[in-house]
Amino acid sequence: MKVRPLADRVLVEILEAEEKTKGGIILPDTAKEEKTEGKVIAVGAGKTLESGKVQPLELKKGDRVLFGKYAGDDIVIDGIKHKILKESEILAVYEKE
């Protein structure tokens, strides 16, 4: 299934939670916190300004992003967890050095 976000929204695939802690302790499913980072799968056309012009989004497909724990709406596409977020709900983008 293909999903195309509208306006200034972004479709993000949630990255899987860690199976182990840094100390090597294996976490059961009930102890895992939902990740607040993901990979951008698709972006909308942009935000429509009062002047009628469309301001394109800064994000692009493939960006790895951080977002708030309760931000956006959860959806499942082909058995994989995703979120639909407004661009303003995304806190940061990982950048390569």
PDB file of N, CA and C in Angstrom:
ATOM      1  N   MET A   1       0.843  -1.169   0.000  1.00  0.00           N
ATOM      2  CA  MET A   1       0.000   0.000   0.000  1.00  0.00           C
ATOM      3  C   MET A   1       0.892   1.237   0.000  1.00  0.00           C
ATOM      4  N   LYS A   2       0.474   2.257  -0.724  1.00  0.00           N
ATOM      5  CA  LYS A   2       1.232   3.502  -0.785  1.00  0.00           C
ATOM      6  C   LYS A   2       0.414   4.605  -0.123  1.00  0.00           C
ATOM      7  N   VAL A   3       1.064   5.378   0.739  1.00  0.00           N
ATOM      8  CA  VAL A   3       0.409   6.482   1.442  1.00  0.00           C
ATOM      9  C   VAL A   3       1.157   7.763   1.081  1.00  0.00           C
ATOM     10  N   ARG A   4       0.421   8.788   0.675  1.00  0.00           N
ATOM     11  CA  ARG A   4       1.017  10.080   0.329  1.00  0.00           C
ATOM     12  C   ARG A   4       0.504  11.123   1.312  1.00  0.00           C
ATOM     13  N   PRO A   5       1.378  11.677   2.151  1.00  0.00           N
ATOM     14  CA  PRO A   5       0.951  12.701   3.102  1.00  0.00           C
ATOM     15  C   PRO A   5       0.528  13.980   2.371  1.00  0.00           C
ATOM     16  N   LEU A   6      -0.389  14.712   2.968  1.00  0.00           N
ATOM     17  CA  LEU A   6      -0.864  15.963   2.390  1.00  0.00           C
ATOM     18  C   LEU A   6      -0.218  17.154   3.084  1.00  0.00           C
ATOM     19  N   ALA A   7      -0.166  18.271   2.370  1.00  0.00           N
ATOM     20  CA  ALA A   7       0.302  19.565   2.877  1.00  0.00           C
ATOM     21  C   ALA A   7       1.664  19.448   3.565  1.00  0.00           C
ATOM     22  N   ASP A   8       1.743  19.851   4.848  1.00  0.00           N
ATOM     23  CA  ASP A   8       3.028  19.872   5.556  1.00  0.00           C
ATOM     24  C   ASP A   8       3.209  18.653   6.454  1.00  0.00           C
ATOM     25  N   ARG A   9       2.634  17.536   6.045  1.00  0.00           N
ATOM     26  CA  ARG A   9       2.744  16.310   6.841  1.00  0.00           C
ATOM     27  C   ARG A   9       3.822  15.389   6.265  1.00  0.00           C
ATOM     28  N   VAL A  10       4.336  14.517   7.156  1.00  0.00           N
ATOM     29  CA  VAL A  10       5.429  13.615   6.809  1.00  0.00           C
ATOM     30  C   VAL A  10       5.071  12.216   7.295  1.00  0.00           C
ATOM     31  N   LEU A  11       5.323  11.201   6.481  1.00  0.00           N
ATOM     32  CA  LEU A  11       5.131   9.806   6.878  1.00  0.00           C
ATOM     33  C   LEU A  11       6.475   9.267   7.333  1.00  0.00           C
ATOM     34  N   VAL A  12       6.533   8.790   8.586  1.00  0.00           N
ATOM     35  CA  VAL A  12       7.785   8.322   9.186  1.00  0.00           C
ATOM     36  C   VAL A  12       7.618   6.875   9.631  1.00  0.00           C
ATOM     37  N   GLU A  13       8.564   6.017   9.231  1.00  0.00           N
ATOM     38  CA  GLU A  13       8.599   4.637   9.715  1.00  0.00           C
ATOM     39  C   GLU A  13       9.345   4.636  11.045  1.00  0.00           C
ATOM     40  N   ILE A  14       8.705   4.107  12.082  1.00  0.00           N
ATOM     41  CA  ILE A  14       9.307   4.083  13.417  1.00  0.00           C
ATOM     42  C   ILE A  14      10.390   3.013  13.454  1.00  0.00           C
ATOM     43  N   LEU A  15      11.557   3.387  13.960  1.00  0.00           N
ATOM     44  CA  LEU A  15      12.643   2.419  14.095  1.00  0.00           C
ATOM     45  C   LEU A  15      12.369   1.511  15.288  1.00  0.00           C
ATOM     46  N   GLU A  16      12.818   0.288  15.209  1.00  0.00           N
ATOM     47  CA  GLU A  16      12.564  -0.700  16.252  1.00  0.00           C
ATOM     48  C   GLU A  16      13.257  -0.345  17.566  1.00  0.00           C
ATOM     49  N   ALA A  17      12.608  -0.665  18.667  1.00  0.00           N
ATOM     50  CA  ALA A  17      13.182  -0.452  19.995  1.00  0.00           C
ATOM     51  C   ALA A  17      14.328  -1.437  20.218  1.00  0.00           C
ATOM     52  N   GLU A  18      15.253  -1.030  21.064  1.00  0.00           N
ATOM     53  CA  GLU A  18      16.420  -1.862  21.356  1.00  0.00           C
ATOM     54  C   GLU A  18      16.005  -3.132  22.090  1.00  0.00           C
ATOM     55  N   GLU A  19      16.627  -4.250  21.732  1.00  0.00           N
ATOM     56  CA  GLU A  19      16.369  -5.525  22.376  1.00  0.00           C
ATOM     57  C   GLU A  19      17.172  -5.665  23.676  1.00  0.00           C
ATOM     58  N   LYS A  20      18.328  -4.983  23.732  1.00  0.00           N
ATOM     59  CA  LYS A  20      19.213  -5.066  24.891  1.00  0.00           C
ATOM     60  C   LYS A  20      19.575  -3.671  25.361  1.00  0.00           C
ATOM     61  N   THR A  21      19.931  -3.579  26.648  1.00  0.00           N
ATOM     62  CA  THR A  21      20.471  -2.324  27.166  1.00  0.00           C
ATOM     63  C   THR A  21      21.948  -2.265  26.802  1.00  0.00           C
ATOM     64  N   LYS A  22      22.582  -1.128  27.029  1.00  0.00           N
ATOM     65  CA  LYS A  22      24.014  -1.013  26.749  1.00  0.00           C
ATOM     66  C   LYS A  22      24.831  -1.962  27.616  1.00  0.00           C
ATOM     67  N   GLY A  23      24.306  -2.326  28.787  1.00  0.00           N
ATOM     68  CA  GLY A  23      24.984  -3.247  29.691  1.00  0.00           C
ATOM     69  C   GLY A  23      24.781  -4.712  29.313  1.00  0.00           C
ATOM     70  N   GLY A  24      23.954  -4.976  28.293  1.00  0.00           N
ATOM     71  CA  GLY A  24      23.762  -6.343  27.821  1.00  0.00           C
ATOM     72  C   GLY A  24      22.520  -7.035  28.359  1.00  0.00           C
ATOM     73  N   ILE A  25      21.681  -6.326  29.121  1.00  0.00           N
ATOM     74  CA  ILE A  25      20.467  -6.927  29.669  1.00  0.00           C
ATOM     75  C   ILE A  25      19.412  -6.984  28.568  1.00  0.00           C
ATOM     76  N   ILE A  26      18.823  -8.159  28.360  1.00  0.00           N
ATOM     77  CA  ILE A  26      17.782  -8.330  27.347  1.00  0.00           C
ATOM     78  C   ILE A  26      16.459  -7.842  27.919  1.00  0.00           C
ATOM     79  N   LEU A  27      15.775  -6.973  27.180  1.00  0.00           N
ATOM     80  CA  LEU A  27      14.515  -6.384  27.636  1.00  0.00           C
ATOM     81  C   LEU A  27      13.311  -7.181  27.135  1.00  0.00           C
ATOM     82  N   PRO A  28      12.341  -7.473  28.012  1.00  0.00           N
ATOM     83  CA  PRO A  28      11.107  -8.095  27.548  1.00  0.00           C
ATOM     84  C   PRO A  28      10.265  -7.060  26.800  1.00  0.00           C
ATOM     85  N   ASP A  29       9.292  -7.518  26.009  1.00  0.00           N
ATOM     86  CA  ASP A  29       8.447  -6.612  25.226  1.00  0.00           C
ATOM     87  C   ASP A  29       7.752  -5.572  26.089  1.00  0.00           C
ATOM     88  N   THR A  30       7.362  -5.928  27.307  1.00  0.00           N
ATOM     89  CA  THR A  30       6.632  -4.999  28.171  1.00  0.00           C
ATOM     90  C   THR A  30       7.514  -3.863  28.684  1.00  0.00           C
ATOM     91  N   ALA A  31       8.835  -4.040  28.684  1.00  0.00           N
ATOM     92  CA  ALA A  31       9.742  -3.014  29.204  1.00  0.00           C
ATOM     93  C   ALA A  31      10.273  -2.088  28.117  1.00  0.00           C
ATOM     94  N   LYS A  32      10.040  -2.437  26.857  1.00  0.00           N
ATOM     95  CA  LYS A  32      10.554  -1.620  25.761  1.00  0.00           C
ATOM     96  C   LYS A  32       9.705  -0.370  25.602  1.00  0.00           C
ATOM     97  N   GLU A  33      10.390   0.758  25.472  1.00  0.00           N
ATOM     98  CA  GLU A  33       9.687   2.013  25.189  1.00  0.00           C
ATOM     99  C   GLU A  33       9.624   2.192  23.680  1.00  0.00           C
ATOM    100  N   GLU A  34       8.524   2.778  23.216  1.00  0.00           N
ATOM    101  CA  GLU A  34       8.414   3.043  21.795  1.00  0.00           C
ATOM    102  C   GLU A  34       9.458   4.072  21.406  1.00  0.00           C
ATOM    103  N   LYS A  35      10.130   3.820  20.303  1.00  0.00           N
ATOM    104  CA  LYS A  35      11.182   4.716  19.840  1.00  0.00           C
ATOM    105  C   LYS A  35      10.603   6.055  19.421  1.00  0.00           C
ATOM    106  N   THR A  36      11.371   7.086  19.600  1.00  0.00           N
ATOM    107  CA  THR A  36      10.966   8.413  19.170  1.00  0.00           C
ATOM    108  C   THR A  36      11.859   8.872  18.019  1.00  0.00           C
ATOM    109  N   GLU A  37      12.304   7.896  17.241  1.00  0.00           N
ATOM    110  CA  GLU A  37      13.064   8.228  16.051  1.00  0.00           C
ATOM    111  C   GLU A  37      12.616   7.344  14.912  1.00  0.00           C
ATOM    112  N   GLY A  38      12.798   7.835  13.706  1.00  0.00           N
ATOM    113  CA  GLY A  38      12.342   7.069  12.559  1.00  0.00           C
ATOM    114  C   GLY A  38      12.964   7.576  11.273  1.00  0.00           C
ATOM    115  N   LYS A  39      12.520   6.961  10.188  1.00  0.00           N
ATOM    116  CA  LYS A  39      13.031   7.283   8.858  1.00  0.00           C
ATOM    117  C   LYS A  39      11.886   7.840   8.025  1.00  0.00           C
ATOM    118  N   VAL A  40      12.118   8.961   7.360  1.00  0.00           N
ATOM    119  CA  VAL A  40      11.088   9.587   6.535  1.00  0.00           C
ATOM    120  C   VAL A  40      10.854   8.728   5.295  1.00  0.00           C
ATOM    121  N   ILE A  41       9.595   8.337   5.090  1.00  0.00           N
ATOM    122  CA  ILE A  41       9.206   7.503   3.957  1.00  0.00           C
ATOM    123  C   ILE A  41       8.623   8.358   2.834  1.00  0.00           C
ATOM    124  N   ALA A  42       7.847   9.380   3.194  1.00  0.00           N
ATOM    125  CA  ALA A  42       7.238  10.264   2.194  1.00  0.00           C
ATOM    126  C   ALA A  42       6.953  11.620   2.829  1.00  0.00           C
ATOM    127  N   VAL A  43       6.940  12.670   1.997  1.00  0.00           N
ATOM    128  CA  VAL A  43       6.635  14.020   2.475  1.00  0.00           C
ATOM    129  C   VAL A  43       5.534  14.626   1.613  1.00  0.00           C
ATOM    130  N   GLY A  44       4.772  15.525   2.231  1.00  0.00           N
ATOM    131  CA  GLY A  44       3.726  16.243   1.508  1.00  0.00           C
ATOM    132  C   GLY A  44       4.314  17.328   0.621  1.00  0.00           C
ATOM    133  N   ALA A  45       3.446  18.022  -0.109  1.00  0.00           N
ATOM    134  CA  ALA A  45       3.880  19.050  -1.053  1.00  0.00           C
ATOM    135  C   ALA A  45       4.412  20.299  -0.354  1.00  0.00           C
ATOM    136  N   GLY A  46       3.929  20.576   0.845  1.00  0.00           N
ATOM    137  CA  GLY A  46       4.384  21.749   1.574  1.00  0.00           C
ATOM    138  C   GLY A  46       3.229  22.511   2.183  1.00  0.00           C
ATOM    139  N   LYS A  47       3.572  23.509   2.974  1.00  0.00           N
ATOM    140  CA  LYS A  47       2.579  24.313   3.676  1.00  0.00           C
ATOM    141  C   LYS A  47       2.119  25.463   2.780  1.00  0.00           C
ATOM    142  N   THR A  48       0.803  25.651   2.691  1.00  0.00           N
ATOM    143  CA  THR A  48       0.260  26.761   1.921  1.00  0.00           C
ATOM    144  C   THR A  48       0.250  28.007   2.790  1.00  0.00           C
ATOM    145  N   LEU A  49       0.924  29.040   2.329  1.00  0.00           N
ATOM    146  CA  LEU A  49       1.016  30.295   3.061  1.00  0.00           C
ATOM    147  C   LEU A  49      -0.214  31.160   2.790  1.00  0.00           C
ATOM    148  N   GLU A  50      -0.390  32.215   3.575  1.00  0.00           N
ATOM    149  CA  GLU A  50      -1.533  33.121   3.397  1.00  0.00           C
ATOM    150  C   GLU A  50      -1.539  33.769   2.018  1.00  0.00           C
ATOM    151  N   SER A  51      -0.376  33.943   1.437  1.00  0.00           N
ATOM    152  CA  SER A  51      -0.266  34.546   0.104  1.00  0.00           C
ATOM    153  C   SER A  51      -0.706  33.582  -0.994  1.00  0.00           C
ATOM    154  N   GLY A  52      -0.907  32.316  -0.631  1.00  0.00           N
ATOM    155  CA  GLY A  52      -1.304  31.311  -1.610  1.00  0.00           C
ATOM    156  C   GLY A  52      -0.145  30.496  -2.149  1.00  0.00           C
ATOM    157  N   LYS A  53       1.084  30.929  -1.862  1.00  0.00           N
ATOM    158  CA  LYS A  53       2.263  30.185  -2.300  1.00  0.00           C
ATOM    159  C   LYS A  53       2.457  28.961  -1.412  1.00  0.00           C
ATOM    160  N   VAL A  54       3.071  27.925  -1.972  1.00  0.00           N
ATOM    161  CA  VAL A  54       3.357  26.710  -1.213  1.00  0.00           C
ATOM    162  C   VAL A  54       4.828  26.731  -0.809  1.00  0.00           C
ATOM    163  N   GLN A  55       5.062  26.640   0.504  1.00  0.00           N
ATOM    164  CA  GLN A  55       6.428  26.588   1.038  1.00  0.00           C
ATOM    165  C   GLN A  55       6.825  25.122   1.136  1.00  0.00           C
ATOM    166  N   PRO A  56       7.817  24.674   0.352  1.00  0.00           N
ATOM    167  CA  PRO A  56       8.210  23.262   0.399  1.00  0.00           C
ATOM    168  C   PRO A  56       8.792  22.881   1.764  1.00  0.00           C
ATOM    169  N   LEU A  57       8.735  21.591   2.087  1.00  0.00           N
ATOM    170  CA  LEU A  57       9.260  21.100   3.357  1.00  0.00           C
ATOM    171  C   LEU A  57      10.780  20.999   3.313  1.00  0.00           C
ATOM    172  N   GLU A  58      11.402  21.136   4.484  1.00  0.00           N
ATOM    173  CA  GLU A  58      12.856  20.987   4.593  1.00  0.00           C
ATOM    174  C   GLU A  58      13.257  19.519   4.563  1.00  0.00           C
ATOM    175  N   LEU A  59      12.366  18.641   5.008  1.00  0.00           N
ATOM    176  CA  LEU A  59      12.667  17.226   5.084  1.00  0.00           C
ATOM    177  C   LEU A  59      12.572  16.571   3.717  1.00  0.00           C
ATOM    178  N   LYS A  60      13.285  15.453   3.582  1.00  0.00           N
ATOM    179  CA  LYS A  60      13.212  14.693   2.336  1.00  0.00           C
ATOM    180  C   LYS A  60      13.175  13.206   2.658  1.00  0.00           C
ATOM    181  N   LYS A  61      12.750  12.427   1.702  1.00  0.00           N
ATOM    182  CA  LYS A  61      12.679  10.977   1.868  1.00  0.00           C
ATOM    183  C   LYS A  61      14.055  10.444   2.246  1.00  0.00           C
ATOM    184  N   GLY A  62      14.089   9.573   3.251  1.00  0.00           N
ATOM    185  CA  GLY A  62      15.346   8.969   3.686  1.00  0.00           C
ATOM    186  C   GLY A  62      15.966   9.627   4.908  1.00  0.00           C
ATOM    187  N   ASP A  63      15.512  10.836   5.280  1.00  0.00           N
ATOM    188  CA  ASP A  63      16.046  11.498   6.473  1.00  0.00           C
ATOM    189  C   ASP A  63      15.731  10.689   7.720  1.00  0.00           C
ATOM    190  N   ARG A  64      16.678  10.650   8.660  1.00  0.00           N
ATOM    191  CA  ARG A  64      16.456  10.012   9.960  1.00  0.00           C
ATOM    192  C   ARG A  64      16.143  11.125  10.953  1.00  0.00           C
ATOM    193  N   VAL A  65      14.978  11.033  11.611  1.00  0.00           N
ATOM    194  CA  VAL A  65      14.485  12.147  12.416  1.00  0.00           C
ATOM    195  C   VAL A  65      14.138  11.723  13.842  1.00  0.00           C
ATOM    196  N   LEU A  66      14.085  12.735  14.737  1.00  0.00           N
ATOM    197  CA  LEU A  66      13.616  12.571  16.111  1.00  0.00           C
ATOM    198  C   LEU A  66      12.303  13.322  16.250  1.00  0.00           C
ATOM    199  N   PHE A  67      11.358  12.749  17.008  1.00  0.00           N
ATOM    200  CA  PHE A  67      10.073  13.403  17.227  1.00  0.00           C
ATOM    201  C   PHE A  67       9.627  13.151  18.656  1.00  0.00           C
ATOM    202  N   GLY A  68       8.648  13.910  19.134  1.00  0.00           N
ATOM    203  CA  GLY A  68       8.141  13.772  20.489  1.00  0.00           C
ATOM    204  C   GLY A  68       7.426  12.440  20.699  1.00  0.00           C
ATOM    205  N   LYS A  69       7.456  11.967  21.927  1.00  0.00           N
ATOM    206  CA  LYS A  69       6.875  10.665  22.264  1.00  0.00           C
ATOM    207  C   LYS A  69       5.395  10.566  21.903  1.00  0.00           C
ATOM    208  N   TYR A  70       4.639  11.647  22.100  1.00  0.00           N
ATOM    209  CA  TYR A  70       3.197  11.608  21.846  1.00  0.00           C
ATOM    210  C   TYR A  70       2.804  12.379  20.588  1.00  0.00           C
ATOM    211  N   ALA A  71       3.768  12.708  19.744  1.00  0.00           N
ATOM    212  CA  ALA A  71       3.500  13.487  18.533  1.00  0.00           C
ATOM    213  C   ALA A  71       2.873  12.627  17.446  1.00  0.00           C
ATOM    214  N   GLY A  72       2.092  13.259  16.596  1.00  0.00           N
ATOM    215  CA  GLY A  72       1.566  12.598  15.408  1.00  0.00           C
ATOM    216  C   GLY A  72       0.511  11.540  15.671  1.00  0.00           C
ATOM    217  N   ASP A  73       0.140  10.869  14.590  1.00  0.00           N
ATOM    218  CA  ASP A  73      -0.857   9.800  14.633  1.00  0.00           C
ATOM    219  C   ASP A  73      -0.223   8.489  14.197  1.00  0.00           C
ATOM    220  N   ASP A  74      -0.477   7.428  14.974  1.00  0.00           N
ATOM    221  CA  ASP A  74       0.067   6.107  14.668  1.00  0.00           C
ATOM    222  C   ASP A  74      -0.786   5.423  13.611  1.00  0.00           C
ATOM    223  N   ILE A  75      -0.124   4.804  12.636  1.00  0.00           N
ATOM    224  CA  ILE A  75      -0.809   3.969  11.656  1.00  0.00           C
ATOM    225  C   ILE A  75       0.061   2.755  11.382  1.00  0.00           C
ATOM    226  N   VAL A  76      -0.553   1.695  10.868  1.00  0.00           N
ATOM    227  CA  VAL A  76       0.183   0.488  10.488  1.00  0.00           C
ATOM    228  C   VAL A  76      -0.015   0.281   8.996  1.00  0.00           C
ATOM    229  N   ILE A  77       1.096   0.174   8.271  1.00  0.00           N
ATOM    230  CA  ILE A  77       1.066  -0.064   6.832  1.00  0.00           C
ATOM    231  C   ILE A  77       1.829  -1.342   6.560  1.00  0.00           C
ATOM    232  N   ASP A  78       1.155  -2.324   5.999  1.00  0.00           N
ATOM    233  CA  ASP A  78       1.767  -3.626   5.696  1.00  0.00           C
ATOM    234  C   ASP A  78       2.467  -4.232   6.909  1.00  0.00           C
ATOM    235  N   GLY A  79       1.870  -4.074   8.098  1.00  0.00           N
ATOM    236  CA  GLY A  79       2.395  -4.661   9.320  1.00  0.00           C
ATOM    237  C   GLY A  79       3.541  -3.890   9.959  1.00  0.00           C
ATOM    238  N   ILE A  80       3.874  -2.723   9.432  1.00  0.00           N
ATOM    239  CA  ILE A  80       4.982  -1.921   9.964  1.00  0.00           C
ATOM    240  C   ILE A  80       4.413  -0.646  10.579  1.00  0.00           C
ATOM    241  N   LYS A  81       4.898  -0.298  11.801  1.00  0.00           N
ATOM    242  CA  LYS A  81       4.417   0.897  12.493  1.00  0.00           C
ATOM    243  C   LYS A  81       4.972   2.165  11.843  1.00  0.00           C
ATOM    244  N   HIS A  82       4.082   3.120  11.635  1.00  0.00           N
ATOM    245  CA  HIS A  82       4.433   4.419  11.078  1.00  0.00           C
ATOM    246  C   HIS A  82       3.751   5.508  11.889  1.00  0.00           C
ATOM    247  N   LYS A  83       4.194   6.734  11.684  1.00  0.00           N
ATOM    248  CA  LYS A  83       3.534   7.912  12.245  1.00  0.00           C
ATOM    249  C   LYS A  83       3.359   8.916  11.121  1.00  0.00           C
ATOM    250  N   ILE A  84       2.240   9.636  11.181  1.00  0.00           N
ATOM    251  CA  ILE A  84       2.058  10.791  10.315  1.00  0.00           C
ATOM    252  C   ILE A  84       2.200  12.015  11.208  1.00  0.00           C
ATOM    253  N   LEU A  85       3.185  12.845  10.882  1.00  0.00           N
ATOM    254  CA  LEU A  85       3.527  14.008  11.698  1.00  0.00           C
ATOM    255  C   LEU A  85       3.489  15.270  10.848  1.00  0.00           C
ATOM    256  N   LYS A  86       3.192  16.389  11.488  1.00  0.00           N
ATOM    257  CA  LYS A  86       3.399  17.669  10.832  1.00  0.00           C
ATOM    258  C   LYS A  86       4.896  17.951  10.894  1.00  0.00           C
ATOM    259  N   GLU A  87       5.396  18.698   9.934  1.00  0.00           N
ATOM    260  CA  GLU A  87       6.828  18.991   9.932  1.00  0.00           C
ATOM    261  C   GLU A  87       7.234  19.694  11.231  1.00  0.00           C
ATOM    262  N   SER A  88       6.359  20.515  11.785  1.00  0.00           N
ATOM    263  CA  SER A  88       6.669  21.245  13.014  1.00  0.00           C
ATOM    264  C   SER A  88       6.789  20.329  14.236  1.00  0.00           C
ATOM    265  N   GLU A  89       6.279  19.091  14.160  1.00  0.00           N
ATOM    266  CA  GLU A  89       6.376  18.149  15.271  1.00  0.00           C
ATOM    267  C   GLU A  89       7.712  17.406  15.282  1.00  0.00           C
ATOM    268  N   ILE A  90       8.470  17.533  14.215  1.00  0.00           N
ATOM    269  CA  ILE A  90       9.773  16.871  14.143  1.00  0.00           C
ATOM    270  C   ILE A  90      10.789  17.766  14.826  1.00  0.00           C
ATOM    271  N   LEU A  91      11.521  17.180  15.775  1.00  0.00           N
ATOM    272  CA  LEU A  91      12.433  17.946  16.618  1.00  0.00           C
ATOM    273  C   LEU A  91      13.814  18.126  16.006  1.00  0.00           C
ATOM    274  N   ALA A  92      14.310  17.110  15.299  1.00  0.00           N
ATOM    275  CA  ALA A  92      15.675  17.175  14.766  1.00  0.00           C
ATOM    276  C   ALA A  92      15.856  16.159  13.652  1.00  0.00           C
ATOM    277  N   VAL A  93      16.898  16.396  12.851  1.00  0.00           N
ATOM    278  CA  VAL A  93      17.284  15.493  11.772  1.00  0.00           C
ATOM    279  C   VAL A  93      18.731  15.083  12.032  1.00  0.00           C
ATOM    280  N   TYR A  94      18.999  13.760  11.959  1.00  0.00           N
ATOM    281  CA  TYR A  94      20.386  13.301  12.050  1.00  0.00           C
ATOM    282  C   TYR A  94      21.090  13.706  10.765  1.00  0.00           C
ATOM    283  N   GLU A  95      22.276  14.288  10.895  1.00  0.00           N
ATOM    284  CA  GLU A  95      23.041  14.678   9.723  1.00  0.00           C
ATOM    285  C   GLU A  95      24.381  13.961   9.710  1.00  0.00           C
ATOM    286  N   LYS A  96      24.823  13.588   8.525  1.00  0.00           N
ATOM    287  CA  LYS A  96      26.118  12.932   8.382  1.00  0.00           C
ATOM    288  C   LYS A  96      27.215  13.969   8.507  1.00  0.00           C
ATOM    289  N   GLU A  97      28.296  13.583   9.168  1.00  0.00           N
ATOM    290  CA  GLU A  97      29.421  14.519   9.352  1.00  0.00           C
ATOM    291  C   GLU A  97      30.462  14.315   8.286  1.00  0.00           C
TER     292      GLU A  97
END
